[in-house]
Amino acid sequence: MEVNQVLDAKGLSCPLPIVRAKKAMDTLATGQVLEVHVTDKGALSDFPAWAKSSGHEILDQSIEADVIKFIIKKG
């Protein structure tokens, strides 16, 4: 899977990771992929809800050493 852009939102609290992800998504074409790194545990519920309401698809979600990674395809 090709990731088109990586967004480092570690250390930011809600709602900033979502705000930054939205801005990053706005620069991508439909079908391109954004990888987001966050440390805010609230992102575990915030990102799936945001992706669904925005028409994007979460392709993968993982947690490594307190960093939550989302792979999101622009819808």
N, C-alpha and C. Protein backbone atom coordinates (compact mmCIF):
# COMPACT_ATOMS: atom_id res chain seq x y z
N MET A 1 0.85 -1.18 0.00
CA MET A 1 0.00 0.00 0.00
C MET A 1 0.89 1.24 0.00
N GLU A 2 0.60 2.14 -0.88
CA GLU A 2 1.38 3.38 -0.98
C GLU A 2 0.74 4.47 -0.13
N VAL A 3 1.54 5.03 0.77
CA VAL A 3 1.08 6.15 1.59
C VAL A 3 1.53 7.43 0.90
N ASN A 4 0.60 8.34 0.65
CA ASN A 4 0.90 9.57 -0.06
C ASN A 4 1.40 10.69 0.84
N GLN A 5 0.99 10.65 2.12
CA GLN A 5 1.40 11.70 3.05
C GLN A 5 1.36 11.14 4.47
N VAL A 6 2.31 11.58 5.29
CA VAL A 6 2.34 11.18 6.71
C VAL A 6 2.15 12.44 7.55
N LEU A 7 1.23 12.36 8.50
CA LEU A 7 0.95 13.48 9.39
C LEU A 7 1.36 13.09 10.81
N ASP A 8 2.26 13.87 11.40
CA ASP A 8 2.69 13.64 12.77
C ASP A 8 1.87 14.55 13.69
N ALA A 9 0.91 13.96 14.39
CA ALA A 9 0.07 14.72 15.31
C ALA A 9 0.30 14.26 16.75
N LYS A 10 1.49 13.69 16.99
CA LYS A 10 1.81 13.21 18.34
C LYS A 10 1.92 14.41 19.29
N GLY A 11 1.40 14.21 20.51
CA GLY A 11 1.47 15.25 21.52
C GLY A 11 0.33 16.25 21.46
N LEU A 12 -0.50 16.16 20.44
CA LEU A 12 -1.63 17.08 20.31
C LEU A 12 -2.87 16.47 20.94
N SER A 13 -3.70 17.32 21.54
CA SER A 13 -4.95 16.86 22.15
C SER A 13 -6.12 17.18 21.24
N CYS A 14 -7.18 16.43 21.43
CA CYS A 14 -8.41 16.63 20.68
C CYS A 14 -8.86 18.09 20.83
N PRO A 15 -9.28 18.74 19.78
CA PRO A 15 -9.57 18.24 18.45
C PRO A 15 -8.44 18.45 17.43
N LEU A 16 -7.27 18.88 17.87
CA LEU A 16 -6.21 19.22 16.91
C LEU A 16 -5.80 18.10 15.97
N PRO A 17 -5.68 16.84 16.41
CA PRO A 17 -5.32 15.81 15.43
C PRO A 17 -6.33 15.69 14.28
N ILE A 18 -7.61 15.81 14.60
CA ILE A 18 -8.65 15.74 13.55
C ILE A 18 -8.56 16.97 12.65
N VAL A 19 -8.37 18.14 13.23
CA VAL A 19 -8.26 19.37 12.44
C VAL A 19 -7.09 19.27 11.46
N ARG A 20 -5.96 18.80 11.94
CA ARG A 20 -4.78 18.67 11.08
C ARG A 20 -4.98 17.59 10.02
N ALA A 21 -5.64 16.51 10.40
CA ALA A 21 -5.91 15.44 9.43
C ALA A 21 -6.84 15.93 8.33
N LYS A 22 -7.84 16.72 8.70
CA LYS A 22 -8.75 17.27 7.70
C LYS A 22 -8.00 18.17 6.72
N LYS A 23 -7.12 19.03 7.24
CA LYS A 23 -6.33 19.91 6.37
C LYS A 23 -5.43 19.09 5.44
N ALA A 24 -4.83 18.04 5.97
CA ALA A 24 -3.97 17.19 5.14
C ALA A 24 -4.80 16.48 4.07
N MET A 25 -5.97 15.98 4.44
CA MET A 25 -6.85 15.30 3.48
C MET A 25 -7.27 16.23 2.35
N ASP A 26 -7.47 17.50 2.68
CA ASP A 26 -7.89 18.47 1.67
C ASP A 26 -6.85 18.63 0.56
N THR A 27 -5.59 18.28 0.84
CA THR A 27 -4.53 18.42 -0.16
C THR A 27 -4.39 17.16 -1.03
N LEU A 28 -5.06 16.08 -0.64
CA LEU A 28 -4.94 14.82 -1.36
C LEU A 28 -6.07 14.64 -2.36
N ALA A 29 -5.80 13.84 -3.38
CA ALA A 29 -6.82 13.50 -4.37
C ALA A 29 -7.61 12.29 -3.86
N THR A 30 -8.82 12.11 -4.35
CA THR A 30 -9.64 10.96 -3.99
C THR A 30 -8.87 9.68 -4.27
N GLY A 31 -8.86 8.78 -3.29
CA GLY A 31 -8.17 7.51 -3.44
C GLY A 31 -6.76 7.51 -2.88
N GLN A 32 -6.22 8.69 -2.59
CA GLN A 32 -4.88 8.74 -2.01
C GLN A 32 -4.96 8.41 -0.51
N VAL A 33 -3.79 8.11 0.08
CA VAL A 33 -3.75 7.58 1.44
C VAL A 33 -2.94 8.49 2.37
N LEU A 34 -3.52 8.74 3.54
CA LEU A 34 -2.88 9.54 4.59
C LEU A 34 -2.58 8.63 5.77
N GLU A 35 -1.35 8.71 6.29
CA GLU A 35 -0.98 7.99 7.51
C GLU A 35 -0.87 9.02 8.62
N VAL A 36 -1.60 8.81 9.72
CA VAL A 36 -1.62 9.75 10.83
C VAL A 36 -1.07 9.08 12.08
N HIS A 37 -0.16 9.77 12.78
CA HIS A 37 0.40 9.28 14.04
C HIS A 37 -0.10 10.18 15.16
N VAL A 38 -0.77 9.61 16.15
CA VAL A 38 -1.31 10.39 17.28
C VAL A 38 -0.99 9.69 18.60
N THR A 39 -1.01 10.47 19.69
CA THR A 39 -0.81 9.89 21.02
C THR A 39 -2.05 10.09 21.91
N ASP A 40 -3.00 10.89 21.47
CA ASP A 40 -4.23 11.14 22.22
C ASP A 40 -5.14 9.92 22.11
N LYS A 41 -5.42 9.27 23.25
CA LYS A 41 -6.25 8.06 23.26
C LYS A 41 -7.67 8.32 22.73
N GLY A 42 -8.12 9.56 22.81
CA GLY A 42 -9.44 9.90 22.28
C GLY A 42 -9.54 9.67 20.79
N ALA A 43 -8.40 9.63 20.12
CA ALA A 43 -8.38 9.41 18.67
C ALA A 43 -8.95 8.05 18.29
N LEU A 44 -8.89 7.10 19.21
CA LEU A 44 -9.41 5.76 18.92
C LEU A 44 -10.89 5.77 18.57
N SER A 45 -11.63 6.71 19.12
CA SER A 45 -13.04 6.84 18.75
C SER A 45 -13.27 8.01 17.80
N ASP A 46 -12.45 9.06 17.94
CA ASP A 46 -12.63 10.26 17.11
C ASP A 46 -12.36 10.00 15.63
N PHE A 47 -11.26 9.33 15.31
CA PHE A 47 -10.89 9.14 13.91
C PHE A 47 -11.87 8.27 13.13
N PRO A 48 -12.30 7.13 13.68
CA PRO A 48 -13.31 6.35 12.93
C PRO A 48 -14.60 7.13 12.69
N ALA A 49 -15.05 7.89 13.69
CA ALA A 49 -16.27 8.69 13.52
C ALA A 49 -16.08 9.78 12.48
N TRP A 50 -14.94 10.46 12.52
CA TRP A 50 -14.65 11.52 11.54
C TRP A 50 -14.54 10.94 10.13
N ALA A 51 -13.82 9.82 9.99
CA ALA A 51 -13.64 9.21 8.67
C ALA A 51 -14.99 8.82 8.08
N LYS A 52 -15.84 8.21 8.89
CA LYS A 52 -17.15 7.78 8.41
C LYS A 52 -17.99 8.98 7.98
N SER A 53 -18.02 10.02 8.80
CA SER A 53 -18.85 11.18 8.48
C SER A 53 -18.30 11.99 7.30
N SER A 54 -17.00 11.84 7.03
CA SER A 54 -16.37 12.58 5.93
C SER A 54 -16.27 11.78 4.64
N GLY A 55 -16.68 10.52 4.69
CA GLY A 55 -16.63 9.69 3.49
C GLY A 55 -15.28 9.05 3.21
N HIS A 56 -14.41 9.01 4.22
CA HIS A 56 -13.10 8.39 4.07
C HIS A 56 -13.14 6.97 4.64
N GLU A 57 -12.11 6.18 4.33
CA GLU A 57 -12.07 4.79 4.80
C GLU A 57 -10.79 4.55 5.58
N ILE A 58 -10.93 4.03 6.79
CA ILE A 58 -9.74 3.65 7.57
C ILE A 58 -9.33 2.26 7.11
N LEU A 59 -8.15 2.19 6.48
CA LEU A 59 -7.65 0.93 5.96
C LEU A 59 -6.95 0.11 7.03
N ASP A 60 -6.32 0.80 7.99
CA ASP A 60 -5.60 0.10 9.05
C ASP A 60 -5.48 1.00 10.27
N GLN A 61 -5.41 0.36 11.42
CA GLN A 61 -5.25 1.07 12.68
C GLN A 61 -4.38 0.20 13.57
N SER A 62 -3.33 0.79 14.16
CA SER A 62 -2.45 0.01 15.02
C SER A 62 -1.91 0.90 16.14
N ILE A 63 -1.41 0.25 17.18
CA ILE A 63 -0.80 0.96 18.30
C ILE A 63 0.59 0.38 18.52
N GLU A 64 1.60 1.25 18.48
CA GLU A 64 2.98 0.84 18.70
C GLU A 64 3.63 1.83 19.66
N ALA A 65 4.03 1.35 20.83
CA ALA A 65 4.73 2.19 21.82
C ALA A 65 3.99 3.50 22.10
N ASP A 66 2.71 3.40 22.43
CA ASP A 66 1.86 4.56 22.76
C ASP A 66 1.56 5.47 21.58
N VAL A 67 1.94 5.10 20.38
CA VAL A 67 1.60 5.88 19.19
C VAL A 67 0.53 5.12 18.41
N ILE A 68 -0.58 5.80 18.19
CA ILE A 68 -1.68 5.21 17.43
C ILE A 68 -1.49 5.64 15.97
N LYS A 69 -1.52 4.66 15.07
CA LYS A 69 -1.36 4.95 13.64
C LYS A 69 -2.64 4.61 12.91
N PHE A 70 -3.09 5.55 12.10
CA PHE A 70 -4.24 5.34 11.25
C PHE A 70 -3.79 5.46 9.79
N ILE A 71 -4.25 4.54 8.95
CA ILE A 71 -4.04 4.63 7.51
C ILE A 71 -5.41 4.91 6.93
N ILE A 72 -5.58 6.09 6.33
CA ILE A 72 -6.90 6.53 5.90
C ILE A 72 -6.88 6.83 4.40
N LYS A 73 -7.84 6.23 3.69
CA LYS A 73 -7.98 6.46 2.25
C LYS A 73 -9.03 7.55 2.03
N LYS A 74 -8.67 8.54 1.23
CA LYS A 74 -9.60 9.65 0.97
C LYS A 74 -10.74 9.17 0.09
N GLY A 75 -11.96 9.49 0.53
CA GLY A 75 -13.16 9.10 -0.21
C GLY A 75 -13.63 10.18 -1.14
